[in-house]
């Protein structure tokens, strides 16, 4: 039963991204971008958060592994492998890998693979990233995935894993204000639907040609907290928890607006995250877990 459930979750993830997440909409953006705040007021902050990943990677090497690469969705993602001849994109979605090839061309190698069971030999990668991927795995596979990522890292290399906490303390403290603002927005719009949290499935707007049934509207997600991470990694893998981004998409959409000084507020928030990266990584929405192999 457990094995069947795990296979079902993989099929659900693959189907969602093949049919929905990595399909382009009229704007030219992938449908998966609807889970991000792409408003101009948030653009600078989000851009700078994306660039944080590269600080913790070796600037050069032969192979960089992108575990759960998707289509290498954002321009900032390309900077992580700028000093590497090859970026190895591993993903369950063939659609994602085809899209990644459009961006990387001959500088990419493309492998259909499960990040919890990587088909690579030990110690081959000089750099490694896994962005918003592990939460799509069942718990046992997430545990195994950390071991697999560590196994394929070269000695002296680092890996950066970006995921979200189940319930971030800072976002829990802000939840009352967020709900209040969302209610006010709802009333001001005359009852129009307010976009939900970033992890809430949003109905698909694309009907793929030849689809035998309606495409999936969401995908399997299971996140964890800092206690779980410590129980998993302490004493086994050298790691640090830093901030990638401390606020959720729901927070940004509800509370950050240009006319209310949103850009300035996000610059202040970014400065605080830079000053206290450990605090915001452990208590904010999106931690950056940096693994190091001696």
Protein backbone atom coordinates (compact mmCIF):
# COMPACT_ATOMS: atom_id res chain seq x y z
CA UNK A 1 0.00 0.00 0.00
CA UNK A 2 2.79 2.42 0.93
CA UNK A 3 4.71 1.73 -2.28
CA UNK A 4 1.54 2.25 -4.32
CA UNK A 5 0.87 5.57 -2.58
CA UNK A 6 4.42 6.74 -3.27
CA UNK A 7 4.11 5.81 -6.94
CA UNK A 8 0.78 7.65 -7.09
CA UNK A 9 2.39 10.79 -5.67
CA UNK A 10 5.16 10.66 -8.29
CA UNK A 11 2.65 10.19 -11.08
CA UNK A 12 0.59 13.08 -9.70
CA UNK A 13 3.63 15.37 -9.65
CA UNK A 14 4.73 14.37 -13.15
CA UNK A 15 1.23 14.74 -14.56
CA UNK A 16 0.69 18.13 -12.96
CA UNK A 17 3.92 19.60 -14.31
CA UNK A 18 3.65 17.99 -17.74
CA UNK A 19 0.06 19.11 -18.26
CA UNK A 20 -0.11 22.29 -16.19
CA UNK A 21 2.96 23.62 -14.41
CA UNK A 22 5.35 23.77 -17.36
CA UNK A 23 2.83 24.84 -19.96
CA UNK A 24 3.15 28.42 -21.16
CA UNK A 25 0.21 30.78 -20.79
CA UNK A 26 -0.73 33.77 -22.91
CA UNK A 27 1.75 35.97 -21.02
CA UNK A 28 4.65 33.72 -22.03
CA UNK A 29 5.14 32.63 -18.42
CA UNK A 30 4.77 29.07 -17.20
CA UNK A 31 1.53 28.28 -15.44
CA UNK A 32 3.61 27.43 -12.35
CA UNK A 33 4.54 31.12 -12.10
CA UNK A 34 1.04 31.74 -10.73
CA UNK A 35 2.39 30.43 -7.43
CA UNK A 36 4.85 33.35 -7.30
CA UNK A 37 4.29 37.08 -6.79
CA UNK A 38 5.35 38.58 -10.12
CA UNK A 39 4.14 42.14 -9.48
CA UNK A 40 6.67 44.92 -10.16
CA UNK A 41 6.59 46.00 -6.51
CA UNK A 42 8.08 42.64 -5.45
CA UNK A 43 10.41 42.08 -8.42
CA UNK A 44 13.61 43.55 -6.95
CA UNK A 45 13.24 41.66 -3.68
CA UNK A 46 12.51 38.33 -5.35
CA UNK A 47 15.39 38.82 -7.79
CA UNK A 48 17.85 39.43 -4.95
CA UNK A 49 16.56 36.39 -3.04
CA UNK A 50 17.13 34.18 -6.11
CA UNK A 51 20.73 35.36 -6.30
CA UNK A 52 21.44 34.24 -2.73
CA UNK A 53 21.78 30.64 -3.87
CA UNK A 54 24.90 31.30 -5.93
CA UNK A 55 26.83 32.66 -2.95
CA UNK A 56 26.97 29.22 -1.37
CA UNK A 57 28.08 27.28 -4.45
CA UNK A 58 31.59 26.81 -5.78
CA UNK A 59 32.01 29.41 -8.51
CA UNK A 60 33.38 26.85 -10.97
CA UNK A 61 33.65 23.14 -11.55
CA UNK A 62 32.87 20.56 -14.19
CA UNK A 63 29.32 19.46 -13.37
CA UNK A 64 26.54 21.22 -11.47
CA UNK A 65 23.51 19.09 -10.69
CA UNK A 66 20.08 20.71 -10.74
CA UNK A 67 17.99 18.12 -8.89
CA UNK A 68 14.38 18.70 -9.84
CA UNK A 69 15.41 21.32 -12.38
CA UNK A 70 12.07 22.04 -13.99
CA UNK A 71 12.67 24.21 -17.07
CA UNK A 72 15.30 26.33 -15.23
CA UNK A 73 12.44 28.73 -14.87
CA UNK A 74 13.92 32.10 -13.92
CA UNK A 75 16.88 33.98 -15.44
CA UNK A 76 18.65 34.08 -12.07
CA UNK A 77 18.78 30.28 -12.04
CA UNK A 78 21.18 30.37 -14.98
CA UNK A 79 23.78 32.22 -12.91
CA UNK A 80 24.32 29.21 -10.61
CA UNK A 81 26.04 27.23 -13.37
CA UNK A 82 27.74 30.14 -15.17
CA UNK A 83 31.20 28.83 -14.19
CA UNK A 84 30.45 25.21 -15.11
CA UNK A 85 30.75 23.67 -18.59
CA UNK A 86 27.73 21.45 -17.86
CA UNK A 87 24.56 21.75 -15.85
CA UNK A 88 22.94 18.34 -15.34
CA UNK A 89 19.16 18.75 -15.21
CA UNK A 90 17.40 15.85 -13.47
CA UNK A 91 13.61 15.85 -13.38
CA UNK A 92 10.64 13.49 -13.60
CA UNK A 93 8.99 15.72 -16.20
CA UNK A 94 10.07 15.29 -19.81
CA UNK A 95 8.29 18.54 -20.63
CA UNK A 96 10.48 20.31 -18.06
CA UNK A 97 13.66 18.88 -19.56
CA UNK A 98 12.66 19.90 -23.08
CA UNK A 99 12.04 23.44 -21.84
CA UNK A 100 15.37 23.45 -19.96
CA UNK A 101 17.15 22.51 -23.19
CA UNK A 102 15.76 25.66 -24.82
CA UNK A 103 17.62 27.70 -22.20
CA UNK A 104 20.82 25.73 -21.79
CA UNK A 105 21.35 24.04 -25.14
CA UNK A 106 24.68 22.19 -25.32
CA UNK A 107 25.68 23.39 -21.85
CA UNK A 108 23.01 21.16 -20.36
CA UNK A 109 22.71 17.40 -19.88
CA UNK A 110 19.16 16.14 -19.40
CA UNK A 111 18.18 13.09 -17.35
CA UNK A 112 14.75 11.76 -16.41
CA UNK A 113 15.36 10.87 -12.78
CA UNK A 114 13.89 10.68 -9.30
CA UNK A 115 15.86 12.89 -6.91
CA UNK A 116 15.48 10.29 -4.15
CA UNK A 117 17.22 7.68 -6.31
CA UNK A 118 19.79 9.48 -8.45
CA UNK A 119 21.42 7.50 -11.28
CA UNK A 120 24.88 9.04 -10.78
CA UNK A 121 28.06 7.75 -9.25
CA UNK A 122 29.33 8.97 -5.90
CA UNK A 123 31.14 12.31 -5.68
CA UNK A 124 30.71 13.46 -9.27
CA UNK A 125 29.19 16.94 -8.80
CA UNK A 126 31.18 20.04 -7.86
CA UNK A 127 27.97 21.97 -7.18
CA UNK A 128 24.35 21.05 -6.58
CA UNK A 129 21.03 22.84 -6.28
CA UNK A 130 17.54 21.56 -5.54
CA UNK A 131 14.90 24.27 -5.63
CA UNK A 132 11.34 23.77 -4.39
CA UNK A 133 11.48 20.07 -5.21
CA UNK A 134 11.86 17.85 -2.15
CA UNK A 135 8.46 18.78 -0.74
CA UNK A 136 6.89 16.91 -3.66
CA UNK A 137 8.24 13.62 -2.25
CA UNK A 138 6.69 11.39 0.43
CA UNK A 139 8.41 11.74 3.78
CA UNK A 140 10.54 8.59 3.51
CA UNK A 141 11.75 9.66 0.08
CA UNK A 142 12.59 13.16 1.30
CA UNK A 143 14.79 11.59 3.94
CA UNK A 144 16.46 9.40 1.33
CA UNK A 145 16.86 12.34 -1.08
CA UNK A 146 19.12 14.21 1.34
CA UNK A 147 21.34 11.15 1.48
CA UNK A 148 21.37 10.88 -2.31
CA UNK A 149 22.28 14.54 -2.76
CA UNK A 150 25.11 14.16 -0.27
CA UNK A 151 26.30 10.95 -1.93
CA UNK A 152 26.77 12.52 -5.38
CA UNK A 153 28.51 15.66 -4.05
CA UNK A 154 32.26 15.86 -4.62
CA UNK A 155 34.51 16.28 -1.58
CA UNK A 156 34.81 19.95 -0.68
CA UNK A 157 31.63 20.87 -2.54
CA UNK A 158 28.38 22.41 -1.34
CA UNK A 159 24.73 21.88 -2.19
CA UNK A 160 21.86 24.32 -1.75
CA UNK A 161 18.36 23.01 -1.04
CA UNK A 162 15.51 25.55 -1.06
CA UNK A 163 12.19 24.44 0.38
CA UNK A 164 9.46 25.86 2.57
CA UNK A 165 8.62 25.14 6.20
CA UNK A 166 5.22 23.66 6.98
CA UNK A 167 4.34 26.55 9.27
CA UNK A 168 6.92 29.32 9.51
CA UNK A 169 6.83 31.13 12.88
CA UNK A 170 7.06 34.59 11.28
CA UNK A 171 4.21 33.86 8.91
CA UNK A 172 2.15 32.40 11.74
CA UNK A 173 2.61 35.65 13.69
CA UNK A 174 1.53 37.64 10.60
CA UNK A 175 -1.42 35.40 9.73
CA UNK A 176 -4.04 37.46 11.57
CA UNK A 177 -3.08 40.65 9.76
CA UNK A 178 -2.94 38.82 6.43
CA UNK A 179 -6.45 37.42 6.90
CA UNK A 180 -7.78 40.83 7.88
CA UNK A 181 -6.32 42.49 4.79
CA UNK A 182 -7.60 39.70 2.55
CA UNK A 183 -11.12 40.17 3.92
CA UNK A 184 -10.92 43.89 3.23
CA UNK A 185 -9.65 43.21 -0.29
CA UNK A 186 -12.47 40.73 -0.82
CA UNK A 187 -15.11 43.26 0.21
CA UNK A 188 -13.55 46.07 -1.80
CA UNK A 189 -13.66 43.89 -4.91
CA UNK A 190 -17.32 43.16 -4.35
CA UNK A 191 -16.78 39.56 -3.38
CA UNK A 192 -14.32 38.72 -6.15
CA UNK A 193 -12.10 35.75 -5.42
CA UNK A 194 -8.82 36.58 -3.66
CA UNK A 195 -5.83 34.48 -4.67
CA UNK A 196 -4.95 31.93 -2.04
CA UNK A 197 -1.68 30.89 -0.43
CA UNK A 198 1.23 29.95 -2.64
CA UNK A 199 0.84 26.25 -1.86
CA UNK A 200 -2.90 26.14 -2.59
CA UNK A 201 -3.70 24.60 -5.98
CA UNK A 202 -5.13 27.13 -8.42
CA UNK A 203 -7.45 25.80 -11.14
CA UNK A 204 -5.72 25.26 -14.45
CA UNK A 205 -6.46 27.51 -17.38
CA UNK A 206 -5.08 25.23 -20.10
CA UNK A 207 -6.76 22.22 -21.69
CA UNK A 208 -3.92 20.25 -23.28
CA UNK A 209 -4.68 18.90 -26.77
CA UNK A 210 -5.89 15.32 -26.64
CA UNK A 211 -6.32 15.21 -22.87
CA UNK A 212 -8.59 12.31 -21.95
CA UNK A 213 -9.62 13.91 -18.67
CA UNK A 214 -9.41 17.35 -17.05
CA UNK A 215 -5.81 18.27 -16.17
CA UNK A 216 -4.81 18.25 -12.49
CA UNK A 217 -5.23 21.48 -10.55
CA UNK A 218 -2.55 20.85 -7.93
CA UNK A 219 0.20 18.48 -6.92
CA UNK A 220 1.44 16.50 -3.93
CA UNK A 221 3.15 18.64 -1.30
CA UNK A 222 4.50 17.60 2.09
CA UNK A 223 6.64 20.07 3.99
CA UNK A 224 8.40 19.77 7.33
CA UNK A 225 9.81 21.91 10.12
CA UNK A 226 13.23 22.65 11.57
CA UNK A 227 12.91 19.94 14.22
CA UNK A 228 12.38 17.31 11.52
CA UNK A 229 15.41 18.56 9.59
CA UNK A 230 17.62 18.45 12.67
CA UNK A 231 16.52 14.93 13.53
CA UNK A 232 17.34 13.88 9.97
CA UNK A 233 20.71 15.57 9.45
CA UNK A 234 22.36 16.27 12.82
CA UNK A 235 25.50 14.19 13.21
CA UNK A 236 25.21 12.77 9.68
CA UNK A 237 25.62 15.65 7.23
CA UNK A 238 27.28 19.02 7.79
CA UNK A 239 24.72 21.74 7.09
CA UNK A 240 23.62 25.28 7.88
CA UNK A 241 20.21 26.91 7.60
CA UNK A 242 20.17 30.36 6.02
CA UNK A 243 17.40 32.51 4.66
CA UNK A 244 16.33 32.31 1.04
CA UNK A 245 13.17 34.35 1.51
CA UNK A 246 11.41 34.95 4.80
CA UNK A 247 7.91 35.86 3.59
CA UNK A 248 5.30 33.86 1.72
CA UNK A 249 3.54 34.77 -1.51
CA UNK A 250 0.38 35.25 0.51
CA UNK A 251 2.18 37.82 2.69
CA UNK A 252 3.49 39.70 -0.34
CA UNK A 253 0.16 39.83 -2.16
CA UNK A 254 -1.76 40.91 0.92
CA UNK A 255 0.60 43.38 2.57
CA UNK A 256 3.08 44.68 0.00
CA UNK A 257 1.77 47.40 -2.33
CA UNK A 258 3.56 50.12 -4.26
CA UNK A 259 1.31 52.93 -3.05
CA UNK A 260 2.07 51.96 0.56
CA UNK A 261 5.84 52.03 0.16
CA UNK A 262 6.11 48.33 -0.64
CA UNK A 263 9.47 48.52 -2.43
CA UNK A 264 11.07 50.39 0.45
CA UNK A 265 9.59 47.93 2.93
CA UNK A 266 11.01 44.98 1.03
CA UNK A 267 14.43 46.64 0.84
CA UNK A 268 14.36 46.99 4.61
CA UNK A 269 13.27 43.37 5.00
CA UNK A 270 16.07 42.21 2.70
CA UNK A 271 18.61 44.19 4.74
CA UNK A 272 17.37 42.52 7.93
CA UNK A 273 17.57 39.10 6.30
CA UNK A 274 21.15 39.84 5.28
CA UNK A 275 22.01 40.95 8.81
CA UNK A 276 20.37 37.94 10.50
CA UNK A 277 20.31 35.14 7.88
CA UNK A 278 20.16 32.33 10.41
CA UNK A 279 17.19 33.77 12.32
CA UNK A 280 15.17 34.46 9.19
CA UNK A 281 16.10 31.10 7.69
CA UNK A 282 14.85 29.21 10.72
CA UNK A 283 11.76 31.34 11.32
CA UNK A 284 10.81 32.63 7.86
CA UNK A 285 8.89 30.85 5.13
CA UNK A 286 11.66 29.63 2.81
CA UNK A 287 14.95 28.34 4.26
CA UNK A 288 18.09 27.73 2.24
CA UNK A 289 19.68 24.53 3.54
CA UNK A 290 23.36 24.49 2.63
CA UNK A 291 25.01 21.06 2.74
CA UNK A 292 28.78 20.74 2.79
CA UNK A 293 30.86 17.64 2.11
CA UNK A 294 34.33 17.80 3.74
